[in-house]
C-alpha atoms as a PDB file:
ATOM      1  CA  MET A   1       2.592  17.456 -13.687  1.00  0.00           C
ATOM      2  CA  ASP A   2       2.865  15.334 -15.109  1.00  0.00           C
ATOM      3  CA  ASP A   3       5.145  13.681 -18.196  1.00  0.00           C
ATOM      4  CA  THR A   4       2.057  12.810 -20.436  1.00  0.00           C
ATOM      5  CA  ILE A   5      -1.952  13.979 -20.682  1.00  0.00           C
ATOM      6  CA  ASP A   6      -3.346  11.161 -22.758  1.00  0.00           C
ATOM      7  CA  GLU A   7      -7.058   9.947 -21.936  1.00  0.00           C
ATOM      8  CA  VAL A   8      -7.953  12.615 -19.615  1.00  0.00           C
ATOM      9  CA  ASP A   9     -10.124  10.492 -17.141  1.00  0.00           C
ATOM     10  CA  SER A  10      -8.479   9.605 -13.853  1.00  0.00           C
ATOM     11  CA  LEU A  11      -7.407  13.536 -13.909  1.00  0.00           C
ATOM     12  CA  ILE A  12     -11.027  14.783 -14.244  1.00  0.00           C
ATOM     13  CA  ARG A  13     -11.415  12.535 -11.083  1.00  0.00           C
ATOM     14  CA  LEU A  14      -8.609  14.219  -9.339  1.00  0.00           C
ATOM     15  CA  ALA A  15      -9.295  17.218 -10.432  1.00  0.00           C
ATOM     16  CA  ASN A  16     -13.187  16.708  -8.659  1.00  0.00           C
ATOM     17  CA  VAL A  17     -11.818  15.646  -5.387  1.00  0.00           C
ATOM     18  CA  LEU A  18      -9.495  18.571  -5.152  1.00  0.00           C
ATOM     19  CA  HIS A  19     -12.606  20.988  -6.187  1.00  0.00           C
ATOM     20  CA  HIS A  20     -14.833  19.158  -3.063  1.00  0.00           C
ATOM     21  CA  ARG A  21     -12.091  19.176  -0.149  1.00  0.00           C
ATOM     22  CA  GLY A  22     -11.700  23.430  -1.622  1.00  0.00           C
ATOM     23  CA  ALA A  23      -9.702  23.943  -4.238  1.00  0.00           C
ATOM     24  CA  TYR A  24     -10.046  27.008  -5.432  1.00  0.00           C
ATOM     25  CA  ARG A  25      -7.798  27.160  -9.065  1.00  0.00           C
ATOM     26  CA  ILE A  26      -6.800  23.590 -10.443  1.00  0.00           C
ATOM     27  CA  TYR A  27      -4.409  24.335 -13.350  1.00  0.00           C
ATOM     28  CA  VAL A  28      -2.870  20.874 -14.350  1.00  0.00           C
ATOM     29  CA  MET A  29       1.152  21.204 -16.509  1.00  0.00           C
ATOM     30  CA  ALA A  30       2.602  17.372 -18.241  1.00  0.00           C
ATOM     31  CA  THR A  31       4.863  17.700 -21.196  1.00  0.00           C
ATOM     32  CA  HIS A  32       3.636  16.253 -23.520  1.00  0.00           C
ATOM     33  CA  GLY A  33      -0.060  16.754 -24.495  1.00  0.00           C
ATOM     34  CA  ILE A  34      -1.700  13.894 -26.578  1.00  0.00           C
ATOM     35  CA  PHE A  35      -5.396  14.343 -26.234  1.00  0.00           C
ATOM     36  CA  SER A  36      -6.940  11.200 -27.643  1.00  0.00           C
ATOM     37  CA  GLY A  37     -10.439  10.639 -28.511  1.00  0.00           C
ATOM     38  CA  GLN A  38     -12.513  12.844 -26.490  1.00  0.00           C
ATOM     39  CA  ALA A  39      -9.464  14.856 -23.773  1.00  0.00           C
ATOM     40  CA  CYS A  40     -10.392  18.524 -24.745  1.00  0.00           C
ATOM     41  CA  GLU A  41     -14.271  18.286 -24.938  1.00  0.00           C
ATOM     42  CA  LEU A  42     -13.816  16.881 -21.465  1.00  0.00           C
ATOM     43  CA  LEU A  43     -11.808  19.304 -20.314  1.00  0.00           C
ATOM     44  CA  GLN A  44     -13.052  21.930 -21.654  1.00  0.00           C
ATOM     45  CA  LYS A  45     -16.099  20.875 -19.544  1.00  0.00           C
ATOM     46  CA  SER A  46     -14.460  20.378 -16.009  1.00  0.00           C
ATOM     47  CA  VAL A  47     -13.835  21.968 -13.219  1.00  0.00           C
ATOM     48  CA  ILE A  48     -10.044  22.114 -14.177  1.00  0.00           C
ATOM     49  CA  ASP A  49      -9.149  25.948 -14.669  1.00  0.00           C
ATOM     50  CA  GLU A  50      -5.902  25.374 -17.081  1.00  0.00           C
ATOM     51  CA  VAL A  51      -3.605  22.216 -18.442  1.00  0.00           C
ATOM     52  CA  VAL A  52      -0.037  23.479 -19.852  1.00  0.00           C
ATOM     53  CA  VAL A  53       1.510  21.549 -21.967  1.00  0.00           C
ATOM     54  CA  THR A  54       4.715  21.418 -24.187  1.00  0.00           C
ATOM     55  CA  ASN A  55       4.728  22.257 -28.065  1.00  0.00           C
ATOM     56  CA  THR A  56       7.281  18.835 -27.878  1.00  0.00           C
ATOM     57  CA  ILE A  57       3.376  17.843 -30.057  1.00  0.00           C
ATOM     58  CA  PRO A  58       1.984  20.048 -32.166  1.00  0.00           C
ATOM     59  CA  ARG A  59      -1.685  21.107 -31.731  1.00  0.00           C
ATOM     60  CA  ASP A  60      -4.514  19.280 -33.333  1.00  0.00           C
ATOM     61  CA  GLU A  61      -7.613  21.168 -34.156  1.00  0.00           C
ATOM     62  CA  LYS A  62      -9.037  19.309 -30.803  1.00  0.00           C
ATOM     63  CA  MET A  63      -6.677  21.573 -28.525  1.00  0.00           C
ATOM     64  CA  ASP A  64      -7.842  24.758 -30.754  1.00  0.00           C
ATOM     65  CA  SER A  65     -10.714  24.443 -29.619  1.00  0.00           C
ATOM     66  CA  CYS A  66     -10.658  23.506 -25.743  1.00  0.00           C
ATOM     67  CA  SER A  67      -9.636  27.279 -24.082  1.00  0.00           C
ATOM     68  CA  LYS A  68      -7.548  25.346 -21.006  1.00  0.00           C
ATOM     69  CA  ILE A  69      -5.098  24.261 -23.316  1.00  0.00           C
ATOM     70  CA  LYS A  70      -1.763  26.171 -22.612  1.00  0.00           C
ATOM     71  CA  THR A  71       1.196  25.915 -25.312  1.00  0.00           C
ATOM     72  CA  ILE A  72       4.598  26.264 -24.238  1.00  0.00           C
ATOM     73  CA  ASP A  73       7.142  27.778 -27.309  1.00  0.00           C
ATOM     74  CA  ILE A  74      10.117  25.025 -25.300  1.00  0.00           C
ATOM     75  CA  SER A  75      11.449  25.381 -29.448  1.00  0.00           C
ATOM     76  CA  PRO A  76      14.760  28.349 -27.619  1.00  0.00           C
ATOM     77  CA  LEU A  77      15.380  26.014 -25.405  1.00  0.00           C
ATOM     78  CA  LEU A  78      16.541  22.968 -27.001  1.00  0.00           C
ATOM     79  CA  SER A  79      18.038  24.606 -29.542  1.00  0.00           C
ATOM     80  CA  GLU A  80      20.430  26.288 -26.919  1.00  0.00           C
ATOM     81  CA  ALA A  81      20.887  23.029 -24.970  1.00  0.00           C
ATOM     82  CA  ILE A  82      22.003  21.120 -29.151  1.00  0.00           C
ATOM     83  CA  ARG A  83      24.259  24.160 -29.238  1.00  0.00           C
ATOM     84  CA  ARG A  84      25.836  23.806 -26.103  1.00  0.00           C
ATOM     85  CA  ILE A  85      25.943  20.941 -25.990  1.00  0.00           C
ATOM     86  CA  HIS A  86      27.252  20.256 -29.332  1.00  0.00           C
ATOM     87  CA  ASN A  87      30.588  23.212 -28.762  1.00  0.00           C
ATOM     88  CA  GLY A  88      31.126  21.773 -25.049  1.00  0.00           C
ATOM     89  CA  GLU A  89      29.639  24.106 -22.726  1.00  0.00           C
ATOM     90  CA  SER A  90      28.238  24.111 -19.195  1.00  0.00           C
ATOM     91  CA  MET A  91      24.853  23.119 -19.814  1.00  0.00           C
ATOM     92  CA  SER A  92      23.828  23.912 -16.254  1.00  0.00           C
ATOM     93  CA  TYR A  93      23.318  27.654 -17.800  1.00  0.00           C
ATOM     94  CA  LEU A  94      19.707  27.159 -19.266  1.00  0.00           C
ATOM     95  CA  PHE A  95      18.663  26.683 -15.752  1.00  0.00           C
ATOM     96  CA  ARG A  96      20.121  29.828 -13.998  1.00  0.00           C
ATOM     97  CA  ASP A  97      18.241  32.898 -14.101  1.00  0.00           C
ATOM     98  CA  ILE A  98      14.818  31.536 -15.437  1.00  0.00           C
ATOM     99  CA  PRO A  99      12.354  34.149 -15.522  1.00  0.00           C
ATOM    100  CA  VAL A 100       8.716  33.950 -13.307  1.00  0.00           C
ATOM    101  CA  GLY A 101       5.588  34.798 -16.145  1.00  0.00           C
ATOM    102  CA  ASP A 102       4.737  34.669 -19.695  1.00  0.00           C
END
């Protein structure tokens, strides 16, 4: 889990260590997926099973070509947060009863 994924060399090295120590599946999560340079190609060839990022940065063709990258749409959460701030409503409501699943 990280805030940003840009270059993935150190991430892949860490995944390799986890894999060699017995990890069956390796999932990576980050808020912002930048994926500079050869990042998508390196991820596709890596032992990482899935990388989940939000749509704070638009997907490009390189990201679309990597089946391991999944994107979560957070626009409903952000729009509701803006509405609540504007109306002086509680923000804690957004973090109650968060559903598990797709």
